[in-house]
Amino acid sequence: MAQKLQLWSFIAESCMLKDALSLRCLKQLSLYLQSRKETVIDAQTHVDDVTGKLQALKSENSKTLGKFLASFESDKHYNNVEIVKKEGDEEQFKTRRGQFHQALHDISSSDLHVTICCRQLVA
């Protein structure tokens, strides 16, 4: 287990997950949809905001991932732990990162549209 915690790929993916799960826009959208004050037009603005941010995360570094990458580049450590990067780790991570954020984007877009439309029909 200790060796896994030193792997570049494991740390990079963990940082990516932390950043994705802590997106403020997802939390705000969830609260907005729970308030039952949403309309299809108003909700679309929130949905577009979330999907735009998820698309950007496919190629841009978010907070935790950015800190990890900067720390690794400076001294091959993260939180005072030596990180081991294998050949091909970065390319593999870029592929997984794109797939992960595209899946989040797709799920968010389709599920949110369905939720909003169903609530409008019920209201």
PDB file of N, CA and C in Angstrom:
ATOM      1  N   MET A   1       0.815  -1.193   0.000  1.00  0.00           N
ATOM      2  CA  MET A   1       0.000   0.000   0.000  1.00  0.00           C
ATOM      3  C   MET A   1       0.859   1.258   0.000  1.00  0.00           C
ATOM      4  N   ALA A   2       1.932   1.253   0.778  1.00  0.00           N
ATOM      5  CA  ALA A   2       2.804   2.420   0.850  1.00  0.00           C
ATOM      6  C   ALA A   2       3.414   2.734  -0.511  1.00  0.00           C
ATOM      7  N   GLN A   3       3.742   1.685  -1.272  1.00  0.00           N
ATOM      8  CA  GLN A   3       4.312   1.905  -2.594  1.00  0.00           C
ATOM      9  C   GLN A   3       3.287   2.536  -3.532  1.00  0.00           C
ATOM     10  N   LYS A   4       2.055   2.128  -3.424  1.00  0.00           N
ATOM     11  CA  LYS A   4       1.005   2.681  -4.277  1.00  0.00           C
ATOM     12  C   LYS A   4       0.821   4.173  -4.007  1.00  0.00           C
ATOM     13  N   LEU A   5       0.978   4.567  -2.756  1.00  0.00           N
ATOM     14  CA  LEU A   5       0.823   5.971  -2.389  1.00  0.00           C
ATOM     15  C   LEU A   5       1.955   6.842  -2.921  1.00  0.00           C
ATOM     16  N   GLN A   6       2.970   6.224  -3.486  1.00  0.00           N
ATOM     17  CA  GLN A   6       4.087   6.964  -4.068  1.00  0.00           C
ATOM     18  C   GLN A   6       3.999   7.013  -5.592  1.00  0.00           C
ATOM     19  N   LEU A   7       3.032   6.325  -6.167  1.00  0.00           N
ATOM     20  CA  LEU A   7       2.929   6.267  -7.623  1.00  0.00           C
ATOM     21  C   LEU A   7       2.323   7.547  -8.189  1.00  0.00           C
ATOM     22  N   TRP A   8       2.978   8.100  -9.184  1.00  0.00           N
ATOM     23  CA  TRP A   8       2.528   9.324  -9.831  1.00  0.00           C
ATOM     24  C   TRP A   8       1.094   9.170 -10.336  1.00  0.00           C
ATOM     25  N   SER A   9       0.812   8.057 -10.992  1.00  0.00           N
ATOM     26  CA  SER A   9      -0.515   7.857 -11.583  1.00  0.00           C
ATOM     27  C   SER A   9      -1.605   7.800 -10.507  1.00  0.00           C
ATOM     28  N   PHE A  10      -1.335   7.154  -9.403  1.00  0.00           N
ATOM     29  CA  PHE A  10      -2.316   7.045  -8.317  1.00  0.00           C
ATOM     30  C   PHE A  10      -2.601   8.415  -7.701  1.00  0.00           C
ATOM     31  N   ILE A  11      -1.543   9.183  -7.444  1.00  0.00           N
ATOM     32  CA  ILE A  11      -1.706  10.507  -6.842  1.00  0.00           C
ATOM     33  C   ILE A  11      -2.425  11.439  -7.815  1.00  0.00           C
ATOM     34  N   ALA A  12      -2.038  11.421  -9.072  1.00  0.00           N
ATOM     35  CA  ALA A  12      -2.672  12.293 -10.067  1.00  0.00           C
ATOM     36  C   ALA A  12      -4.167  11.992 -10.177  1.00  0.00           C
ATOM     37  N   GLU A  13      -4.529  10.719 -10.239  1.00  0.00           N
ATOM     38  CA  GLU A  13      -5.945  10.349 -10.339  1.00  0.00           C
ATOM     39  C   GLU A  13      -6.704  10.710  -9.060  1.00  0.00           C
ATOM     40  N   SER A  14      -6.076  10.536  -7.918  1.00  0.00           N
ATOM     41  CA  SER A  14      -6.724  10.900  -6.649  1.00  0.00           C
ATOM     42  C   SER A  14      -6.981  12.407  -6.583  1.00  0.00           C
ATOM     43  N   CYS A  15      -6.021  13.189  -7.021  1.00  0.00           N
ATOM     44  CA  CYS A  15      -6.195  14.646  -7.038  1.00  0.00           C
ATOM     45  C   CYS A  15      -7.308  15.050  -8.006  1.00  0.00           C
ATOM     46  N   MET A  16      -7.345  14.404  -9.149  1.00  0.00           N
ATOM     47  CA  MET A  16      -8.388  14.684 -10.135  1.00  0.00           C
ATOM     48  C   MET A  16      -9.768  14.390  -9.551  1.00  0.00           C
ATOM     49  N   LEU A  17      -9.893  13.258  -8.876  1.00  0.00           N
ATOM     50  CA  LEU A  17     -11.174  12.887  -8.265  1.00  0.00           C
ATOM     51  C   LEU A  17     -11.576  13.861  -7.166  1.00  0.00           C
ATOM     52  N   LYS A  18     -10.620  14.245  -6.346  1.00  0.00           N
ATOM     53  CA  LYS A  18     -10.914  15.197  -5.270  1.00  0.00           C
ATOM     54  C   LYS A  18     -11.428  16.502  -5.849  1.00  0.00           C
ATOM     55  N   ASP A  19     -10.760  16.994  -6.866  1.00  0.00           N
ATOM     56  CA  ASP A  19     -11.175  18.251  -7.482  1.00  0.00           C
ATOM     57  C   ASP A  19     -12.560  18.136  -8.122  1.00  0.00           C
ATOM     58  N   ALA A  20     -12.817  17.036  -8.795  1.00  0.00           N
ATOM     59  CA  ALA A  20     -14.116  16.864  -9.457  1.00  0.00           C
ATOM     60  C   ALA A  20     -15.248  16.781  -8.439  1.00  0.00           C
ATOM     61  N   LEU A  21     -14.999  16.079  -7.341  1.00  0.00           N
ATOM     62  CA  LEU A  21     -16.042  15.908  -6.336  1.00  0.00           C
ATOM     63  C   LEU A  21     -16.266  17.148  -5.485  1.00  0.00           C
ATOM     64  N   SER A  22     -15.313  18.069  -5.519  1.00  0.00           N
ATOM     65  CA  SER A  22     -15.469  19.259  -4.702  1.00  0.00           C
ATOM     66  C   SER A  22     -15.816  20.496  -5.539  1.00  0.00           C
ATOM     67  N   LEU A  23     -16.243  20.284  -6.773  1.00  0.00           N
ATOM     68  CA  LEU A  23     -16.623  21.418  -7.617  1.00  0.00           C
ATOM     69  C   LEU A  23     -17.798  22.166  -6.999  1.00  0.00           C
ATOM     70  N   ARG A  24     -17.589  23.404  -6.740  1.00  0.00           N
ATOM     71  CA  ARG A  24     -18.633  24.239  -6.134  1.00  0.00           C
ATOM     72  C   ARG A  24     -19.856  24.343  -7.043  1.00  0.00           C
ATOM     73  N   CYS A  25     -19.627  24.400  -8.346  1.00  0.00           N
ATOM     74  CA  CYS A  25     -20.756  24.559  -9.258  1.00  0.00           C
ATOM     75  C   CYS A  25     -21.697  23.357  -9.212  1.00  0.00           C
ATOM     76  N   LEU A  26     -21.151  22.152  -8.977  1.00  0.00           N
ATOM     77  CA  LEU A  26     -22.016  20.974  -8.857  1.00  0.00           C
ATOM     78  C   LEU A  26     -22.870  21.049  -7.593  1.00  0.00           C
ATOM     79  N   LYS A  27     -22.262  21.507  -6.514  1.00  0.00           N
ATOM     80  CA  LYS A  27     -22.998  21.642  -5.254  1.00  0.00           C
ATOM     81  C   LYS A  27     -24.092  22.697  -5.391  1.00  0.00           C
ATOM     82  N   GLN A  28     -23.746  23.823  -6.016  1.00  0.00           N
ATOM     83  CA  GLN A  28     -24.728  24.889  -6.180  1.00  0.00           C
ATOM     84  C   GLN A  28     -25.877  24.454  -7.084  1.00  0.00           C
ATOM     85  N   LEU A  29     -25.550  23.707  -8.123  1.00  0.00           N
ATOM     86  CA  LEU A  29     -26.594  23.220  -9.016  1.00  0.00           C
ATOM     87  C   LEU A  29     -27.518  22.261  -8.284  1.00  0.00           C
ATOM     88  N   SER A  30     -26.950  21.401  -7.482  1.00  0.00           N
ATOM     89  CA  SER A  30     -27.754  20.459  -6.709  1.00  0.00           C
ATOM     90  C   SER A  30     -28.705  21.204  -5.775  1.00  0.00           C
ATOM     91  N   LEU A  31     -28.188  22.191  -5.077  1.00  0.00           N
ATOM     92  CA  LEU A  31     -29.041  22.983  -4.173  1.00  0.00           C
ATOM     93  C   LEU A  31     -30.109  23.738  -4.946  1.00  0.00           C
ATOM     94  N   TYR A  32     -29.744  24.267  -6.090  1.00  0.00           N
ATOM     95  CA  TYR A  32     -30.701  25.003  -6.915  1.00  0.00           C
ATOM     96  C   TYR A  32     -31.839  24.088  -7.357  1.00  0.00           C
ATOM     97  N   LEU A  33     -31.492  22.894  -7.813  1.00  0.00           N
ATOM     98  CA  LEU A  33     -32.519  21.962  -8.278  1.00  0.00           C
ATOM     99  C   LEU A  33     -33.407  21.475  -7.134  1.00  0.00           C
ATOM    100  N   GLN A  34     -32.851  21.386  -5.943  1.00  0.00           N
ATOM    101  CA  GLN A  34     -33.640  20.960  -4.789  1.00  0.00           C
ATOM    102  C   GLN A  34     -34.577  22.051  -4.290  1.00  0.00           C
ATOM    103  N   SER A  35     -34.309  23.290  -4.675  1.00  0.00           N
ATOM    104  CA  SER A  35     -35.121  24.397  -4.166  1.00  0.00           C
ATOM    105  C   SER A  35     -36.511  24.447  -4.793  1.00  0.00           C
ATOM    106  N   ARG A  36     -36.705  23.748  -5.898  1.00  0.00           N
ATOM    107  CA  ARG A  36     -37.983  23.706  -6.614  1.00  0.00           C
ATOM    108  C   ARG A  36     -38.408  25.078  -7.138  1.00  0.00           C
ATOM    109  N   LYS A  37     -37.466  26.002  -7.232  1.00  0.00           N
ATOM    110  CA  LYS A  37     -37.748  27.314  -7.800  1.00  0.00           C
ATOM    111  C   LYS A  37     -37.226  27.407  -9.231  1.00  0.00           C
ATOM    112  N   GLU A  38     -36.675  26.308  -9.717  1.00  0.00           N
ATOM    113  CA  GLU A  38     -36.052  26.359 -11.022  1.00  0.00           C
ATOM    114  C   GLU A  38     -37.074  26.343 -12.146  1.00  0.00           C
ATOM    115  N   THR A  39     -36.684  26.943 -13.224  1.00  0.00           N
ATOM    116  CA  THR A  39     -37.445  26.844 -14.472  1.00  0.00           C
ATOM    117  C   THR A  39     -36.499  26.271 -15.508  1.00  0.00           C
ATOM    118  N   VAL A  40     -37.027  25.787 -16.596  1.00  0.00           N
ATOM    119  CA  VAL A  40     -36.180  25.197 -17.629  1.00  0.00           C
ATOM    120  C   VAL A  40     -35.171  26.230 -18.128  1.00  0.00           C
ATOM    121  N   ILE A  41     -35.607  27.451 -18.322  1.00  0.00           N
ATOM    122  CA  ILE A  41     -34.716  28.491 -18.841  1.00  0.00           C
ATOM    123  C   ILE A  41     -33.636  28.838 -17.817  1.00  0.00           C
ATOM    124  N   ASP A  42     -34.028  29.053 -16.568  1.00  0.00           N
ATOM    125  CA  ASP A  42     -33.041  29.386 -15.532  1.00  0.00           C
ATOM    126  C   ASP A  42     -32.085  28.234 -15.275  1.00  0.00           C
ATOM    127  N   ALA A  43     -32.602  27.045 -15.243  1.00  0.00           N
ATOM    128  CA  ALA A  43     -31.763  25.878 -14.962  1.00  0.00           C
ATOM    129  C   ALA A  43     -30.750  25.655 -16.070  1.00  0.00           C
ATOM    130  N   GLN A  44     -31.116  25.983 -17.294  1.00  0.00           N
ATOM    131  CA  GLN A  44     -30.201  25.787 -18.418  1.00  0.00           C
ATOM    132  C   GLN A  44     -28.909  26.574 -18.220  1.00  0.00           C
ATOM    133  N   THR A  45     -29.017  27.763 -17.645  1.00  0.00           N
ATOM    134  CA  THR A  45     -27.830  28.570 -17.371  1.00  0.00           C
ATOM    135  C   THR A  45     -26.913  27.844 -16.407  1.00  0.00           C
ATOM    136  N   HIS A  46     -27.487  27.260 -15.365  1.00  0.00           N
ATOM    137  CA  HIS A  46     -26.696  26.512 -14.384  1.00  0.00           C
ATOM    138  C   HIS A  46     -26.093  25.246 -15.009  1.00  0.00           C
ATOM    139  N   VAL A  47     -26.873  24.571 -15.816  1.00  0.00           N
ATOM    140  CA  VAL A  47     -26.389  23.355 -16.480  1.00  0.00           C
ATOM    141  C   VAL A  47     -25.238  23.702 -17.420  1.00  0.00           C
ATOM    142  N   ASP A  48     -25.387  24.780 -18.173  1.00  0.00           N
ATOM    143  CA  ASP A  48     -24.318  25.198 -19.092  1.00  0.00           C
ATOM    144  C   ASP A  48     -23.045  25.539 -18.332  1.00  0.00           C
ATOM    145  N   ASP A  49     -23.189  26.172 -17.169  1.00  0.00           N
ATOM    146  CA  ASP A  49     -22.035  26.515 -16.344  1.00  0.00           C
ATOM    147  C   ASP A  49     -21.297  25.251 -15.902  1.00  0.00           C
ATOM    148  N   VAL A  50     -22.040  24.288 -15.405  1.00  0.00           N
ATOM    149  CA  VAL A  50     -21.437  23.036 -14.938  1.00  0.00           C
ATOM    150  C   VAL A  50     -20.775  22.291 -16.090  1.00  0.00           C
ATOM    151  N   THR A  51     -21.471  22.146 -17.193  1.00  0.00           N
ATOM    152  CA  THR A  51     -20.899  21.388 -18.310  1.00  0.00           C
ATOM    153  C   THR A  51     -19.673  22.091 -18.894  1.00  0.00           C
ATOM    154  N   GLY A  52     -19.688  23.414 -18.910  1.00  0.00           N
ATOM    155  CA  GLY A  52     -18.512  24.147 -19.390  1.00  0.00           C
ATOM    156  C   GLY A  52     -17.297  23.911 -18.504  1.00  0.00           C
ATOM    157  N   LYS A  53     -17.514  23.920 -17.200  1.00  0.00           N
ATOM    158  CA  LYS A  53     -16.408  23.680 -16.268  1.00  0.00           C
ATOM    159  C   LYS A  53     -15.896  22.250 -16.366  1.00  0.00           C
ATOM    160  N   LEU A  54     -16.794  21.305 -16.536  1.00  0.00           N
ATOM    161  CA  LEU A  54     -16.366  19.912 -16.679  1.00  0.00           C
ATOM    162  C   LEU A  54     -15.569  19.719 -17.966  1.00  0.00           C
ATOM    163  N   GLN A  55     -15.988  20.385 -19.032  1.00  0.00           N
ATOM    164  CA  GLN A  55     -15.248  20.287 -20.288  1.00  0.00           C
ATOM    165  C   GLN A  55     -13.850  20.885 -20.128  1.00  0.00           C
ATOM    166  N   ALA A  56     -13.764  22.006 -19.420  1.00  0.00           N
ATOM    167  CA  ALA A  56     -12.457  22.658 -19.219  1.00  0.00           C
ATOM    168  C   ALA A  56     -11.514  21.767 -18.424  1.00  0.00           C
ATOM    169  N   LEU A  57     -12.048  21.007 -17.474  1.00  0.00           N
ATOM    170  CA  LEU A  57     -11.202  20.150 -16.642  1.00  0.00           C
ATOM    171  C   LEU A  57     -10.579  18.996 -17.416  1.00  0.00           C
ATOM    172  N   LYS A  58     -11.051  18.749 -18.629  1.00  0.00           N
ATOM    173  CA  LYS A  58     -10.441  17.711 -19.447  1.00  0.00           C
ATOM    174  C   LYS A  58      -9.012  18.070 -19.813  1.00  0.00           C
ATOM    175  N   SER A  59      -8.719  19.364 -19.879  1.00  0.00           N
ATOM    176  CA  SER A  59      -7.378  19.771 -20.296  1.00  0.00           C
ATOM    177  C   SER A  59      -6.698  20.757 -19.340  1.00  0.00           C
ATOM    178  N   GLU A  60      -7.446  21.381 -18.461  1.00  0.00           N
ATOM    179  CA  GLU A  60      -6.887  22.353 -17.522  1.00  0.00           C
ATOM    180  C   GLU A  60      -6.721  21.724 -16.139  1.00  0.00           C
ATOM    181  N   ASN A  61      -5.690  22.143 -15.441  1.00  0.00           N
ATOM    182  CA  ASN A  61      -5.456  21.631 -14.094  1.00  0.00           C
ATOM    183  C   ASN A  61      -6.334  22.359 -13.090  1.00  0.00           C
ATOM    184  N   SER A  62      -6.977  21.611 -12.241  1.00  0.00           N
ATOM    185  CA  SER A  62      -7.754  22.207 -11.160  1.00  0.00           C
ATOM    186  C   SER A  62      -6.836  22.360  -9.942  1.00  0.00           C
ATOM    187  N   LYS A  63      -7.395  22.803  -8.843  1.00  0.00           N
ATOM    188  CA  LYS A  63      -6.606  23.206  -7.668  1.00  0.00           C
ATOM    189  C   LYS A  63      -5.660  22.118  -7.145  1.00  0.00           C
ATOM    190  N   THR A  64      -6.203  21.002  -6.717  1.00  0.00           N
ATOM    191  CA  THR A  64      -5.378  19.957  -6.103  1.00  0.00           C
ATOM    192  C   THR A  64      -4.435  19.321  -7.113  1.00  0.00           C
ATOM    193  N   LEU A  65      -4.936  19.045  -8.302  1.00  0.00           N
ATOM    194  CA  LEU A  65      -4.092  18.460  -9.341  1.00  0.00           C
ATOM    195  C   LEU A  65      -2.969  19.420  -9.713  1.00  0.00           C
ATOM    196  N   GLY A  66      -3.272  20.690  -9.822  1.00  0.00           N
ATOM    197  CA  GLY A  66      -2.247  21.683 -10.134  1.00  0.00           C
ATOM    198  C   GLY A  66      -1.161  21.736  -9.070  1.00  0.00           C
ATOM    199  N   LYS A  67      -1.563  21.672  -7.808  1.00  0.00           N
ATOM    200  CA  LYS A  67      -0.578  21.672  -6.713  1.00  0.00           C
ATOM    201  C   LYS A  67       0.316  20.437  -6.785  1.00  0.00           C
ATOM    202  N   PHE A  68      -0.297  19.293  -7.052  1.00  0.00           N
ATOM    203  CA  PHE A  68       0.483  18.060  -7.159  1.00  0.00           C
ATOM    204  C   PHE A  68       1.497  18.153  -8.289  1.00  0.00           C
ATOM    205  N   LEU A  69       1.045  18.556  -9.460  1.00  0.00           N
ATOM    206  CA  LEU A  69       1.932  18.616 -10.616  1.00  0.00           C
ATOM    207  C   LEU A  69       3.066  19.622 -10.409  1.00  0.00           C
ATOM    208  N   ALA A  70       2.748  20.769  -9.821  1.00  0.00           N
ATOM    209  CA  ALA A  70       3.784  21.776  -9.554  1.00  0.00           C
ATOM    210  C   ALA A  70       4.804  21.251  -8.543  1.00  0.00           C
ATOM    211  N   SER A  71       4.324  20.593  -7.510  1.00  0.00           N
ATOM    212  CA  SER A  71       5.211  20.041  -6.482  1.00  0.00           C
ATOM    213  C   SER A  71       6.102  18.951  -7.082  1.00  0.00           C
ATOM    214  N   PHE A  72       5.515  18.101  -7.891  1.00  0.00           N
ATOM    215  CA  PHE A  72       6.296  17.026  -8.509  1.00  0.00           C
ATOM    216  C   PHE A  72       7.353  17.588  -9.445  1.00  0.00           C
ATOM    217  N   GLU A  73       6.980  18.575 -10.234  1.00  0.00           N
ATOM    218  CA  GLU A  73       7.938  19.165 -11.175  1.00  0.00           C
ATOM    219  C   GLU A  73       9.097  19.845 -10.461  1.00  0.00           C
ATOM    220  N   SER A  74       8.821  20.413  -9.287  1.00  0.00           N
ATOM    221  CA  SER A  74       9.884  21.149  -8.592  1.00  0.00           C
ATOM    222  C   SER A  74      10.897  20.230  -7.912  1.00  0.00           C
ATOM    223  N   ASP A  75      10.416  19.159  -7.256  1.00  0.00           N
ATOM    224  CA  ASP A  75      11.385  18.320  -6.527  1.00  0.00           C
ATOM    225  C   ASP A  75      11.033  16.834  -6.475  1.00  0.00           C
ATOM    226  N   LYS A  76      10.116  16.410  -7.332  1.00  0.00           N
ATOM    227  CA  LYS A  76       9.721  14.983  -7.413  1.00  0.00           C
ATOM    228  C   LYS A  76       9.098  14.468  -6.117  1.00  0.00           C
ATOM    229  N   HIS A  77       8.533  15.400  -5.336  1.00  0.00           N
ATOM    230  CA  HIS A  77       7.861  15.056  -4.080  1.00  0.00           C
ATOM    231  C   HIS A  77       6.469  15.677  -4.056  1.00  0.00           C
ATOM    232  N   TYR A  78       5.627  15.127  -3.207  1.00  0.00           N
ATOM    233  CA  TYR A  78       4.313  15.713  -2.942  1.00  0.00           C
ATOM    234  C   TYR A  78       4.011  15.456  -1.471  1.00  0.00           C
ATOM    235  N   ASN A  79       3.771  16.518  -0.730  1.00  0.00           N
ATOM    236  CA  ASN A  79       3.552  16.422   0.725  1.00  0.00           C
ATOM    237  C   ASN A  79       4.684  15.643   1.403  1.00  0.00           C
ATOM    238  N   ASN A  80       5.897  15.969   1.007  1.00  0.00           N
ATOM    239  CA  ASN A  80       7.112  15.375   1.573  1.00  0.00           C
ATOM    240  C   ASN A  80       7.254  13.877   1.315  1.00  0.00           C
ATOM    241  N   VAL A  81       6.565  13.366   0.310  1.00  0.00           N
ATOM    242  CA  VAL A  81       6.684  11.959  -0.062  1.00  0.00           C
ATOM    243  C   VAL A  81       7.281  11.905  -1.465  1.00  0.00           C
ATOM    244  N   GLU A  82       8.308  11.098  -1.624  1.00  0.00           N
ATOM    245  CA  GLU A  82       8.919  10.952  -2.942  1.00  0.00           C
ATOM    246  C   GLU A  82       7.944  10.223  -3.872  1.00  0.00           C
ATOM    247  N   ILE A  83       7.754  10.785  -5.060  1.00  0.00           N
ATOM    248  CA  ILE A  83       6.805  10.239  -6.028  1.00  0.00           C
ATOM    249  C   ILE A  83       7.562   9.523  -7.140  1.00  0.00           C
ATOM    250  N   VAL A  84       7.057   8.348  -7.508  1.00  0.00           N
ATOM    251  CA  VAL A  84       7.671   7.540  -8.551  1.00  0.00           C
ATOM    252  C   VAL A  84       6.806   7.652  -9.802  1.00  0.00           C
ATOM    253  N   LYS A  85       7.415   8.172 -10.869  1.00  0.00           N
ATOM    254  CA  LYS A  85       6.709   8.313 -12.141  1.00  0.00           C
ATOM    255  C   LYS A  85       7.295   7.326 -13.134  1.00  0.00           C
ATOM    256  N   LYS A  86       6.412   6.500 -13.691  1.00  0.00           N
ATOM    257  CA  LYS A  86       6.846   5.504 -14.665  1.00  0.00           C
ATOM    258  C   LYS A  86       6.657   6.051 -16.078  1.00  0.00           C
ATOM    259  N   GLU A  87       7.372   5.457 -17.009  1.00  0.00           N
ATOM    260  CA  GLU A  87       7.240   5.849 -18.395  1.00  0.00           C
ATOM    261  C   GLU A  87       5.799   5.560 -18.859  1.00  0.00           C
ATOM    262  N   GLY A  88       5.204   6.521 -19.480  1.00  0.00           N
ATOM    263  CA  GLY A  88       3.844   6.360 -19.983  1.00  0.00           C
ATOM    264  C   GLY A  88       2.758   6.797 -19.015  1.00  0.00           C
ATOM    265  N   ASP A  89       3.125   7.103 -17.774  1.00  0.00           N
ATOM    266  CA  ASP A  89       2.124   7.517 -16.782  1.00  0.00           C
ATOM    267  C   ASP A  89       1.357   8.761 -17.220  1.00  0.00           C
ATOM    268  N   GLU A  90       2.092   9.741 -17.720  1.00  0.00           N
ATOM    269  CA  GLU A  90       1.454  11.007 -18.076  1.00  0.00           C
ATOM    270  C   GLU A  90       0.482  10.844 -19.239  1.00  0.00           C
ATOM    271  N   GLU A  91       0.859  10.107 -20.252  1.00  0.00           N
ATOM    272  CA  GLU A  91      -0.025   9.877 -21.401  1.00  0.00           C
ATOM    273  C   GLU A  91      -1.265   9.102 -20.979  1.00  0.00           C
ATOM    274  N   GLN A  92      -1.060   8.085 -20.159  1.00  0.00           N
ATOM    275  CA  GLN A  92      -2.186   7.282 -19.675  1.00  0.00           C
ATOM    276  C   GLN A  92      -3.126   8.139 -18.830  1.00  0.00           C
ATOM    277  N   PHE A  93      -2.567   9.014 -18.009  1.00  0.00           N
ATOM    278  CA  PHE A  93      -3.387   9.888 -17.183  1.00  0.00           C
ATOM    279  C   PHE A  93      -4.188  10.858 -18.040  1.00  0.00           C
ATOM    280  N   LYS A  94      -3.571  11.430 -19.049  1.00  0.00           N
ATOM    281  CA  LYS A  94      -4.285  12.359 -19.923  1.00  0.00           C
ATOM    282  C   LYS A  94      -5.486  11.684 -20.575  1.00  0.00           C
ATOM    283  N   THR A  95      -5.309  10.445 -20.979  1.00  0.00           N
ATOM    284  CA  THR A  95      -6.419   9.696 -21.583  1.00  0.00           C
ATOM    285  C   THR A  95      -7.520   9.459 -20.557  1.00  0.00           C
ATOM    286  N   ARG A  96      -7.163   8.974 -19.387  1.00  0.00           N
ATOM    287  CA  ARG A  96      -8.157   8.714 -18.331  1.00  0.00           C
ATOM    288  C   ARG A  96      -8.859   9.993 -17.900  1.00  0.00           C
ATOM    289  N   ARG A  97      -8.089  11.056 -17.794  1.00  0.00           N
ATOM    290  CA  ARG A  97      -8.641  12.355 -17.387  1.00  0.00           C
ATOM    291  C   ARG A  97      -9.703  12.812 -18.385  1.00  0.00           C
ATOM    292  N   GLY A  98      -9.391  12.727 -19.656  1.00  0.00           N
ATOM    293  CA  GLY A  98     -10.354  13.109 -20.684  1.00  0.00           C
ATOM    294  C   GLY A  98     -11.602  12.254 -20.640  1.00  0.00           C
ATOM    295  N   GLN A  99     -11.425  10.956 -20.482  1.00  0.00           N
ATOM    296  CA  GLN A  99     -12.562  10.041 -20.420  1.00  0.00           C
ATOM    297  C   GLN A  99     -13.414  10.301 -19.175  1.00  0.00           C
ATOM    298  N   PHE A 100     -12.772  10.526 -18.046  1.00  0.00           N
ATOM    299  CA  PHE A 100     -13.484  10.757 -16.791  1.00  0.00           C
ATOM    300  C   PHE A 100     -14.336  12.018 -16.863  1.00  0.00           C
ATOM    301  N   HIS A 101     -13.719  13.111 -17.297  1.00  0.00           N
ATOM    302  CA  HIS A 101     -14.463  14.369 -17.342  1.00  0.00           C
ATOM    303  C   HIS A 101     -15.510  14.385 -18.443  1.00  0.00           C
ATOM    304  N   GLN A 102     -15.261  13.670 -19.540  1.00  0.00           N
ATOM    305  CA  GLN A 102     -16.286  13.573 -20.584  1.00  0.00           C
ATOM    306  C   GLN A 102     -17.481  12.784 -20.056  1.00  0.00           C
ATOM    307  N   ALA A 103     -17.212  11.726 -19.311  1.00  0.00           N
ATOM    308  CA  ALA A 103     -18.311  10.938 -18.728  1.00  0.00           C
ATOM    309  C   ALA A 103     -19.110  11.772 -17.734  1.00  0.00           C
ATOM    310  N   LEU A 104     -18.419  12.530 -16.878  1.00  0.00           N
ATOM    311  CA  LEU A 104     -19.127  13.416 -15.940  1.00  0.00           C
ATOM    312  C   LEU A 104     -19.970  14.430 -16.694  1.00  0.00           C
ATOM    313  N   HIS A 105     -19.407  14.996 -17.728  1.00  0.00           N
ATOM    314  CA  HIS A 105     -20.111  15.974 -18.552  1.00  0.00           C
ATOM    315  C   HIS A 105     -21.363  15.355 -19.159  1.00  0.00           C
ATOM    316  N   ASP A 106     -21.202  14.177 -19.759  1.00  0.00           N
ATOM    317  CA  ASP A 106     -22.334  13.517 -20.414  1.00  0.00           C
ATOM    318  C   ASP A 106     -23.432  13.155 -19.426  1.00  0.00           C
ATOM    319  N   ILE A 107     -23.037  12.609 -18.287  1.00  0.00           N
ATOM    320  CA  ILE A 107     -24.011  12.231 -17.259  1.00  0.00           C
ATOM    321  C   ILE A 107     -24.725  13.460 -16.731  1.00  0.00           C
ATOM    322  N   SER A 108     -23.968  14.486 -16.420  1.00  0.00           N
ATOM    323  CA  SER A 108     -24.561  15.707 -15.881  1.00  0.00           C
ATOM    324  C   SER A 108     -25.527  16.321 -16.872  1.00  0.00           C
ATOM    325  N   SER A 109     -25.125  16.416 -18.112  1.00  0.00           N
ATOM    326  CA  SER A 109     -25.970  17.042 -19.124  1.00  0.00           C
ATOM    327  C   SER A 109     -27.280  16.290 -19.306  1.00  0.00           C
ATOM    328  N   SER A 110     -27.201  14.994 -19.522  1.00  0.00           N
ATOM    329  CA  SER A 110     -28.422  14.240 -19.815  1.00  0.00           C
ATOM    330  C   SER A 110     -29.318  14.109 -18.587  1.00  0.00           C
ATOM    331  N   ASP A 111     -28.747  13.782 -17.448  1.00  0.00           N
ATOM    332  CA  ASP A 111     -29.557  13.608 -16.238  1.00  0.00           C
ATOM    333  C   ASP A 111     -30.195  14.910 -15.779  1.00  0.00           C
ATOM    334  N   LEU A 112     -29.468  15.996 -15.875  1.00  0.00           N
ATOM    335  CA  LEU A 112     -30.017  17.273 -15.435  1.00  0.00           C
ATOM    336  C   LEU A 112     -31.140  17.736 -16.337  1.00  0.00           C
ATOM    337  N   HIS A 113     -30.996  17.534 -17.632  1.00  0.00           N
ATOM    338  CA  HIS A 113     -32.069  17.927 -18.537  1.00  0.00           C
ATOM    339  C   HIS A 113     -33.339  17.121 -18.254  1.00  0.00           C
ATOM    340  N   VAL A 114     -33.180  15.835 -18.023  1.00  0.00           N
ATOM    341  CA  VAL A 114     -34.334  14.987 -17.716  1.00  0.00           C
ATOM    342  C   VAL A 114     -34.973  15.418 -16.400  1.00  0.00           C
ATOM    343  N   THR A 115     -34.162  15.662 -15.379  1.00  0.00           N
ATOM    344  CA  THR A 115     -34.677  16.081 -14.071  1.00  0.00           C
ATOM    345  C   THR A 115     -35.462  17.383 -14.175  1.00  0.00           C
ATOM    346  N   ILE A 116     -34.898  18.345 -14.871  1.00  0.00           N
ATOM    347  CA  ILE A 116     -35.541  19.645 -15.001  1.00  0.00           C
ATOM    348  C   ILE A 116     -36.864  19.517 -15.750  1.00  0.00           C
ATOM    349  N   CYS A 117     -36.860  18.787 -16.837  1.00  0.00           N
ATOM    350  CA  CYS A 117     -38.094  18.626 -17.628  1.00  0.00           C
ATOM    351  C   CYS A 117     -39.165  17.885 -16.835  1.00  0.00           C
ATOM    352  N   CYS A 118     -38.776  16.860 -16.079  1.00  0.00           N
ATOM    353  CA  CYS A 118     -39.755  16.127 -15.262  1.00  0.00           C
ATOM    354  C   CYS A 118     -40.357  17.015 -14.185  1.00  0.00           C
ATOM    355  N   ARG A 119     -39.537  17.829 -13.564  1.00  0.00           N
ATOM    356  CA  ARG A 119     -40.056  18.731 -12.534  1.00  0.00           C
ATOM    357  C   ARG A 119     -41.004  19.756 -13.133  1.00  0.00           C
ATOM    358  N   GLN A 120     -40.726  20.212 -14.345  1.00  0.00           N
ATOM    359  CA  GLN A 120     -41.613  21.176 -14.998  1.00  0.00           C
ATOM    360  C   GLN A 120     -42.966  20.532 -15.298  1.00  0.00           C
ATOM    361  N   LEU A 121     -42.957  19.265 -15.666  1.00  0.00           N
ATOM    362  CA  LEU A 121     -44.214  18.574 -15.949  1.00  0.00           C
ATOM    363  C   LEU A 121     -45.042  18.371 -14.675  1.00  0.00           C
ATOM    364  N   VAL A 122     -44.355  18.109 -13.569  1.00  0.00           N
ATOM    365  CA  VAL A 122     -45.034  17.876 -12.300  1.00  0.00           C
ATOM    366  C   VAL A 122     -45.587  19.184 -11.726  1.00  0.00           C
ATOM    367  N   ALA A 123     -44.849  20.264 -11.914  1.00  0.00           N
ATOM    368  CA  ALA A 123     -45.236  21.552 -11.324  1.00  0.00           C
ATOM    369  C   ALA A 123     -46.422  22.141 -11.957  1.00  0.00           C
TER     370      ALA A 123
END
